[in-house]
Amino acid sequence: MKGWPSVDQIPPIVNPAMNGMVEVMRGCGRGCQFCAPNVRTARYMDVEKVLQEVRVNVAGGKPSIWAHSDDIFLYRVEDKRHFYPNTDAIVDLFSAIMGTRGVTHSNPTHGTIAPVIADEDLLPRLSPILRAGPENWIGIQPGLETASGDLLAKYMRNKMLPFAPSEWERVVLEGTKAFNQNYWFPAYTLIMGLPGETEDDVWATVRLIDTMEKWLGEKLGSRAHFVSVPLSFVPLSVLSREEFFDVGREMTEARFALIYRSWRHTVKEAMYFSQSVKSVPPYLRPVLRFLVSVGPMIILKYIADWGKSMGFDVDKAFNIPGRREANLNSPCLFLLPGSPSLVWSGLAKPVALRGLTGSNPVPGAVSE
């Protein structure tokens, strides 16, 4: 077989899969240099092929369906330049899954942040189909990776399309807000040790986590939820000849602060959701809440002691060097499919902005 298998060459499952998982697409196309799926041609499973696997899972006692992809919001995307989502196709896919007899729940595995604000109707249309609500948060894993403009532009400049790399912070904030408003819980992954990463790059990510906690809390109150998980860089795809990130040898104060702040926020989320667990008998809930509260706190103290043993100042995870107030009042800009015009993405209807020339789909600056 030459190249990647076509959809017709991918055999359907014949037995139930782990977590009721069904594959809805392969490949991505955004071109992030650290990610192996980006070298694969995007292929989309027909709805009937997906439903065939859904029925296998349901018959085998797996009524909760995980729709697996490398980016669910690129399912049957038609705009291959700006990656504006094909919302109708995504809605049709999950309508078919949730409409299958015996299915009780469904959620995607992976997705990106930008599409949920590029098309502000995407989540409001999709969430009722998935029965999202206070008792049924929809989990998804997007890659936040970094807040460094230099690293974004160098290794993943298409990740935030149809927005520009310079707008990533605003995209993350507004995207998380959109997720939470529609009862979606994003579990963000971060990458430590990308080639050429500096302390300033990492502190920028720590500042973004700090801003997310405060800004989302102000905007959404108790509905503000996310976790962030720092991962070590692994040389894959375009960066396969680079070196693995060595946690023991290459740990720095900024990287430690990123781990500590991420874990601290995870502890807060675990404690919050432990209060609403209803899947265990009432007499066991206090025990569960105690374990959920105490266990992560022990881990957090261990992380703090580990940092101190290396001479790092734990307080810097909160008194962040170079702290600045994020500019959250400027509008997001995005590119319409098939058009070089930038438009306003905010409360107002899209308004064309003047001053953009040339064919670069992700300009760094535009003036009216």
Protein backbone atom coordinates (compact mmCIF):
# COMPACT_ATOMS: atom_id res chain seq x y z
CA MET A 1 0.00 0.00 0.00
CA LYS A 2 1.49 3.33 -1.06
CA GLY A 3 0.87 6.44 1.00
CA TRP A 4 -1.86 6.69 3.60
CA PRO A 5 -4.82 4.30 3.33
CA SER A 6 -8.01 5.69 1.87
CA VAL A 7 -11.23 5.60 3.84
CA ASP A 8 -12.30 2.49 1.90
CA GLN A 9 -9.07 0.73 2.94
CA ILE A 10 -9.66 1.33 6.66
CA PRO A 11 -11.59 -1.67 8.02
CA PRO A 12 -14.44 -1.02 10.48
CA ILE A 13 -14.22 -2.40 13.99
CA VAL A 14 -15.90 -5.77 14.61
CA ASN A 15 -15.86 -5.68 18.43
CA PRO A 16 -16.53 -2.87 20.93
CA ALA A 17 -13.69 -0.38 21.28
CA MET A 18 -12.26 1.16 24.43
CA ASN A 19 -14.57 3.93 25.68
CA GLY A 20 -16.92 3.21 22.81
CA MET A 21 -14.49 4.97 20.50
CA VAL A 22 -15.24 5.43 16.81
CA GLU A 23 -12.92 7.03 14.29
CA VAL A 24 -14.49 9.89 12.36
CA MET A 25 -11.41 11.21 10.55
CA ARG A 26 -7.66 10.80 10.16
CA GLY A 27 -5.08 13.48 9.66
CA CYS A 28 -5.31 17.19 10.35
CA GLY A 29 -3.65 19.58 7.93
CA ARG A 30 -2.79 22.52 10.17
CA GLY A 31 0.91 21.75 9.77
CA CYS A 32 2.17 22.01 13.35
CA GLN A 33 5.75 20.83 13.05
CA PHE A 34 5.83 18.83 16.30
CA CYS A 35 2.74 16.74 15.50
CA ALA A 36 2.76 13.48 13.53
CA PRO A 37 -0.89 13.58 12.32
CA ASN A 38 -0.13 16.79 10.47
CA VAL A 39 1.90 14.92 7.88
CA ARG A 40 -1.12 12.78 7.05
CA THR A 41 -3.64 13.67 4.41
CA ALA A 42 -6.97 14.45 6.07
CA ARG A 43 -9.59 11.77 5.37
CA TYR A 44 -13.16 11.84 6.62
CA MET A 45 -15.27 8.81 7.44
CA ASP A 46 -18.74 8.77 5.91
CA VAL A 47 -21.52 9.08 8.46
CA GLU A 48 -22.80 5.58 7.65
CA LYS A 49 -19.33 4.10 8.26
CA VAL A 50 -19.21 5.89 11.62
CA LEU A 51 -22.68 4.65 12.54
CA GLN A 52 -21.69 1.08 11.70
CA GLU A 53 -19.03 1.28 14.40
CA VAL A 54 -21.40 3.08 16.78
CA ARG A 55 -23.82 0.17 16.51
CA VAL A 56 -21.02 -2.34 17.20
CA ASN A 57 -20.15 -0.45 20.37
CA VAL A 58 -23.74 -0.15 21.55
CA ALA A 59 -24.37 -3.86 20.93
CA GLY A 60 -21.27 -4.64 22.98
CA GLY A 61 -22.39 -2.59 25.97
CA LYS A 62 -20.68 0.72 25.10
CA PRO A 63 -23.52 3.28 24.81
CA SER A 64 -21.24 6.27 25.44
CA ILE A 65 -19.49 7.10 22.16
CA TRP A 66 -16.18 8.92 21.83
CA ALA A 67 -15.84 10.41 18.36
CA HIS A 68 -12.11 10.24 17.73
CA SER A 69 -10.25 12.58 15.38
CA ASP A 70 -7.11 14.67 15.35
CA ASP A 71 -9.31 17.78 15.22
CA ILE A 72 -13.07 17.32 15.28
CA PHE A 73 -13.67 20.89 14.13
CA LEU A 74 -11.91 20.11 10.85
CA TYR A 75 -14.37 17.34 10.02
CA ARG A 76 -15.18 17.74 6.31
CA VAL A 77 -13.67 21.22 6.33
CA GLU A 78 -14.00 22.86 2.91
CA ASP A 79 -11.93 25.98 3.57
CA LYS A 80 -8.42 24.49 3.45
CA ARG A 81 -6.73 27.89 3.54
CA HIS A 82 -8.25 29.46 6.65
CA PHE A 83 -9.82 26.35 8.27
CA TYR A 84 -13.18 28.00 8.84
CA PRO A 85 -15.24 25.08 10.24
CA ASN A 86 -17.89 23.21 8.28
CA THR A 87 -20.43 23.50 11.06
CA ASP A 88 -23.24 21.82 9.13
CA ALA A 89 -21.15 18.67 8.62
CA ILE A 90 -20.13 18.53 12.29
CA VAL A 91 -23.73 19.00 13.43
CA ASP A 92 -24.95 16.32 11.01
CA LEU A 93 -22.31 13.88 12.26
CA PHE A 94 -23.23 14.20 15.94
CA SER A 95 -26.95 14.31 15.18
CA ALA A 96 -26.57 10.91 13.53
CA ILE A 97 -24.49 9.50 16.41
CA MET A 98 -26.83 10.74 19.13
CA GLY A 99 -29.84 9.63 17.09
CA THR A 100 -28.64 6.03 17.01
CA ARG A 101 -30.73 3.73 19.15
CA GLY A 102 -29.03 2.93 22.44
CA VAL A 103 -26.57 5.83 22.46
CA THR A 104 -26.68 7.70 25.77
CA HIS A 105 -23.77 10.12 25.40
CA SER A 106 -21.14 11.28 22.94
CA ASN A 107 -18.20 13.63 22.94
CA PRO A 108 -15.18 14.29 20.70
CA THR A 109 -11.63 13.53 21.74
CA HIS A 110 -9.48 16.29 20.21
CA GLY A 111 -10.19 19.70 18.75
CA THR A 112 -8.71 23.14 18.28
CA ILE A 113 -9.79 26.37 19.97
CA ALA A 114 -10.09 28.85 17.11
CA PRO A 115 -13.09 27.31 15.28
CA VAL A 116 -15.45 27.78 18.23
CA ILE A 117 -15.12 31.55 17.96
CA ALA A 118 -14.55 31.69 14.21
CA ASP A 119 -18.12 30.41 13.89
CA GLU A 120 -19.98 31.61 16.94
CA ASP A 121 -22.91 29.33 16.08
CA LEU A 122 -20.87 26.12 16.20
CA LEU A 123 -21.13 25.32 19.90
CA PRO A 124 -24.67 26.70 20.39
CA ARG A 125 -25.82 24.38 17.60
CA LEU A 126 -23.78 21.36 18.68
CA SER A 127 -24.25 21.46 22.44
CA PRO A 128 -28.01 20.74 22.55
CA ILE A 129 -27.45 17.72 20.31
CA LEU A 130 -24.88 16.40 22.80
CA ARG A 131 -27.25 17.29 25.67
CA ALA A 132 -24.61 19.48 27.25
CA GLY A 133 -25.62 21.10 30.52
CA PRO A 134 -24.72 21.56 34.20
CA GLU A 135 -24.94 17.82 34.78
CA ASN A 136 -23.31 16.83 31.49
CA TRP A 137 -20.14 18.74 30.64
CA ILE A 138 -18.63 17.79 27.28
CA GLY A 139 -14.93 17.05 27.54
CA ILE A 140 -12.45 17.90 24.80
CA GLN A 141 -8.66 18.03 24.54
CA PRO A 142 -7.29 21.03 22.62
CA GLY A 143 -3.60 21.84 22.29
CA LEU A 144 -2.76 25.22 23.82
CA GLU A 145 0.99 24.38 23.60
CA THR A 146 2.49 27.81 24.42
CA ALA A 147 1.75 31.52 24.70
CA SER A 148 5.04 32.49 23.04
CA GLY A 149 4.47 34.44 19.86
CA ASP A 150 7.91 33.45 18.57
CA LEU A 151 7.31 29.71 19.07
CA LEU A 152 3.79 29.93 17.66
CA ALA A 153 5.01 31.63 14.50
CA LYS A 154 7.93 29.24 14.11
CA TYR A 155 6.30 25.86 14.74
CA MET A 156 2.50 26.20 14.55
CA ARG A 157 1.45 29.33 12.70
CA ASN A 158 -1.69 27.65 11.34
CA LYS A 159 -2.95 26.39 14.72
CA MET A 160 -4.94 29.55 15.36
CA LEU A 161 -6.35 30.00 11.83
CA PRO A 162 -8.48 31.77 10.82
CA PHE A 163 -6.80 34.12 13.32
CA ALA A 164 -3.25 35.49 13.40
CA PRO A 165 -0.48 34.17 15.72
CA SER A 166 -0.41 37.57 17.44
CA GLU A 167 -4.03 37.00 18.53
CA TRP A 168 -3.44 33.64 20.19
CA GLU A 169 -3.89 34.86 23.76
CA ARG A 170 -7.24 36.40 22.92
CA VAL A 171 -8.26 33.30 20.96
CA VAL A 172 -7.50 31.08 23.98
CA LEU A 173 -9.43 33.30 26.37
CA GLU A 174 -12.47 33.83 24.17
CA GLY A 175 -12.41 30.21 23.04
CA THR A 176 -12.35 28.90 26.62
CA LYS A 177 -15.17 31.28 27.48
CA ALA A 178 -17.22 29.94 24.56
CA PHE A 179 -16.52 26.35 25.61
CA ASN A 180 -17.61 27.04 29.19
CA GLN A 181 -20.70 29.01 28.26
CA ASN A 182 -21.90 25.95 26.35
CA TYR A 183 -20.88 23.47 29.08
CA TRP A 184 -17.71 22.19 27.43
CA PHE A 185 -14.68 21.42 29.60
CA PRO A 186 -11.36 21.86 27.75
CA ALA A 187 -8.32 19.93 28.99
CA TYR A 188 -5.44 21.84 27.43
CA THR A 189 -2.04 20.35 26.70
CA LEU A 190 1.14 22.43 26.89
CA ILE A 191 4.58 21.60 25.50
CA MET A 192 7.73 22.19 27.52
CA GLY A 193 11.08 22.19 25.80
CA LEU A 194 10.29 23.04 22.19
CA PRO A 195 13.58 23.63 20.34
CA GLY A 196 14.79 27.16 21.02
CA GLU A 197 12.39 27.75 23.90
CA THR A 198 13.55 30.51 26.28
CA GLU A 199 12.62 31.43 29.83
CA ASP A 200 10.62 34.39 28.49
CA ASP A 201 8.63 32.00 26.28
CA VAL A 202 7.69 29.86 29.28
CA TRP A 203 6.87 32.80 31.53
CA ALA A 204 4.50 34.01 28.81
CA THR A 205 2.61 30.71 29.13
CA VAL A 206 2.54 30.98 32.93
CA ARG A 207 1.10 34.48 32.58
CA LEU A 208 -1.58 33.19 30.23
CA ILE A 209 -2.64 30.47 32.70
CA ASP A 210 -2.78 33.15 35.40
CA THR A 211 -4.88 35.42 33.16
CA MET A 212 -7.22 32.56 32.24
CA GLU A 213 -7.92 31.84 35.90
CA LYS A 214 -8.71 35.46 36.75
CA TRP A 215 -10.43 36.67 33.57
CA LEU A 216 -12.63 33.61 33.12
CA GLY A 217 -13.57 33.72 36.79
CA GLU A 218 -14.63 37.34 36.43
CA LYS A 219 -16.62 36.65 33.26
CA LEU A 220 -18.23 33.31 34.13
CA GLY A 221 -17.98 32.80 37.87
CA SER A 222 -18.53 29.16 38.86
CA ARG A 223 -19.00 28.14 35.23
CA ALA A 224 -15.34 28.87 34.40
CA HIS A 225 -13.52 25.54 33.99
CA PHE A 226 -10.38 24.20 32.30
CA VAL A 227 -7.24 22.28 33.12
CA SER A 228 -3.79 22.60 31.57
CA VAL A 229 -1.30 19.74 31.40
CA PRO A 230 2.40 20.42 30.66
CA LEU A 231 3.99 17.69 28.54
CA SER A 232 7.63 17.18 27.61
CA PHE A 233 8.61 17.81 24.00
CA VAL A 234 8.98 14.59 22.00
CA PRO A 235 10.75 14.83 18.63
CA LEU A 236 8.25 13.78 15.98
CA SER A 237 7.33 14.69 12.42
CA VAL A 238 9.27 17.70 11.05
CA LEU A 239 11.16 17.98 14.36
CA SER A 240 12.09 14.29 14.54
CA ARG A 241 15.82 15.04 14.49
CA GLU A 242 15.68 17.30 17.53
CA GLU A 243 16.48 16.11 21.04
CA PHE A 244 13.97 14.89 23.62
CA PHE A 245 13.29 17.37 26.42
CA ASP A 246 15.18 16.14 29.50
CA VAL A 247 13.13 17.04 32.59
CA GLY A 248 15.97 16.37 35.02
CA ARG A 249 18.66 18.25 33.13
CA GLU A 250 16.67 21.06 31.51
CA MET A 251 14.22 22.03 34.25
CA THR A 252 14.22 25.79 34.86
CA GLU A 253 12.40 28.09 37.24
CA ALA A 254 9.89 29.11 34.59
CA ARG A 255 9.16 25.50 33.61
CA PHE A 256 8.76 24.57 37.25
CA ALA A 257 6.32 27.48 37.70
CA LEU A 258 4.32 26.26 34.72
CA ILE A 259 4.04 22.77 36.20
CA TYR A 260 3.13 24.15 39.62
CA ARG A 261 0.46 26.60 38.39
CA SER A 262 -1.07 23.95 36.13
CA TRP A 263 -1.25 21.41 38.95
CA ARG A 264 -2.61 24.00 41.35
CA HIS A 265 -5.47 24.80 38.99
CA THR A 266 -6.17 21.10 38.47
CA VAL A 267 -6.46 20.71 42.24
CA LYS A 268 -9.03 23.52 42.32
CA GLU A 269 -11.06 21.87 39.55
CA ALA A 270 -10.92 18.47 41.24
CA MET A 271 -12.15 19.92 44.52
CA TYR A 272 -14.98 21.78 42.78
CA PHE A 273 -16.30 18.83 40.83
CA SER A 274 -15.96 16.44 43.75
CA GLN A 275 -18.79 18.39 45.39
CA SER A 276 -21.21 17.46 42.63
CA VAL A 277 -20.40 13.77 42.11
CA LYS A 278 -23.63 11.76 42.18
CA SER A 279 -22.44 8.45 40.74
CA VAL A 280 -21.39 7.05 44.13
CA PRO A 281 -23.64 6.23 47.12
CA PRO A 282 -24.36 9.25 49.36
CA TYR A 283 -22.55 7.73 52.35
CA LEU A 284 -19.33 7.45 50.28
CA ARG A 285 -19.38 10.99 48.89
CA PRO A 286 -17.68 12.61 51.92
CA VAL A 287 -14.90 10.02 51.65
CA LEU A 288 -14.50 10.73 47.94
CA ARG A 289 -14.40 14.47 48.54
CA PHE A 290 -11.80 14.03 51.25
CA LEU A 291 -9.58 11.88 49.02
CA VAL A 292 -9.99 14.23 46.05
CA SER A 293 -9.12 17.22 48.25
CA VAL A 294 -6.21 15.72 50.19
CA GLY A 295 -4.58 13.60 47.48
CA PRO A 296 -3.90 16.40 44.97
CA MET A 297 -2.79 18.73 47.78
CA ILE A 298 -0.15 16.17 48.79
CA ILE A 299 1.04 16.02 45.18
CA LEU A 300 1.09 19.82 45.00
CA LYS A 301 3.22 20.01 48.16
CA TYR A 302 5.57 17.41 46.69
CA ILE A 303 5.94 19.53 43.54
CA ALA A 304 6.64 22.63 45.65
CA ASP A 305 9.28 20.78 47.69
CA TRP A 306 10.83 19.44 44.49
CA GLY A 307 11.12 22.97 43.12
CA LYS A 308 12.63 24.28 46.35
CA SER A 309 15.19 21.48 46.28
CA MET A 310 16.39 22.83 42.93
CA GLY A 311 16.60 26.36 44.31
CA PHE A 312 13.44 27.68 42.62
CA ASP A 313 11.20 30.32 44.19
CA VAL A 314 7.65 28.92 44.38
CA ASP A 315 6.23 32.42 44.87
CA LYS A 316 7.32 33.35 41.36
CA ALA A 317 4.58 31.07 40.06
CA PHE A 318 2.22 33.79 41.30
CA ASN A 319 4.40 36.91 41.29
CA ILE A 320 5.24 36.28 37.66
CA PRO A 321 8.27 38.07 36.18
CA GLY A 322 7.33 40.51 33.45
CA ARG A 323 3.65 40.43 34.44
CA ARG A 324 1.51 42.59 32.20
CA GLU A 325 -2.19 43.16 31.87
CA ALA A 326 -3.58 41.39 28.83
CA ASN A 327 -5.24 43.57 26.20
CA LEU A 328 -8.69 42.05 26.28
CA ASN A 329 -10.58 44.98 24.82
CA SER A 330 -9.37 44.75 21.23
CA PRO A 331 -11.47 42.68 18.82
CA CYS A 332 -10.42 39.36 17.35
CA LEU A 333 -9.76 39.45 13.61
CA PHE A 334 -10.33 36.56 11.28
CA LEU A 335 -10.31 35.81 7.60
CA LEU A 336 -13.45 34.95 5.73
CA PRO A 337 -13.31 31.85 3.49
CA GLY A 338 -12.12 32.73 0.02
CA SER A 339 -11.53 36.34 0.90
CA PRO A 340 -8.41 38.30 1.89
CA SER A 341 -10.54 40.66 3.99
CA LEU A 342 -10.28 40.67 7.74
CA VAL A 343 -13.51 40.99 9.66
CA TRP A 344 -14.50 41.85 13.21
CA SER A 345 -15.37 38.94 15.48
CA GLY A 346 -17.20 40.33 18.46
CA LEU A 347 -20.60 41.41 19.56
CA ALA A 348 -21.25 43.35 16.39
CA LYS A 349 -21.87 41.77 13.02
CA PRO A 350 -18.76 41.24 10.85
CA VAL A 351 -17.49 44.50 9.43
CA ALA A 352 -14.81 44.57 6.73
CA LEU A 353 -11.58 46.32 7.68
CA ARG A 354 -9.49 48.27 5.22
CA GLY A 355 -5.75 48.18 4.72
CA LEU A 356 -4.94 44.52 4.06
CA THR A 357 -2.98 43.80 0.93
CA GLY A 358 -1.05 40.80 -0.26
CA SER A 359 -1.86 37.09 0.03
CA ASN A 360 -0.48 36.23 3.49
CA PRO A 361 -3.39 34.54 5.32
CA VAL A 362 -2.07 35.36 8.79
CA PRO A 363 -0.83 38.98 8.75
CA GLY A 364 0.74 40.27 11.90
CA ALA A 365 -0.76 43.73 11.87
CA VAL A 366 -3.59 45.42 10.07
CA SER A 367 -4.71 49.02 10.26
CA GLU A 368 -8.06 50.50 9.37
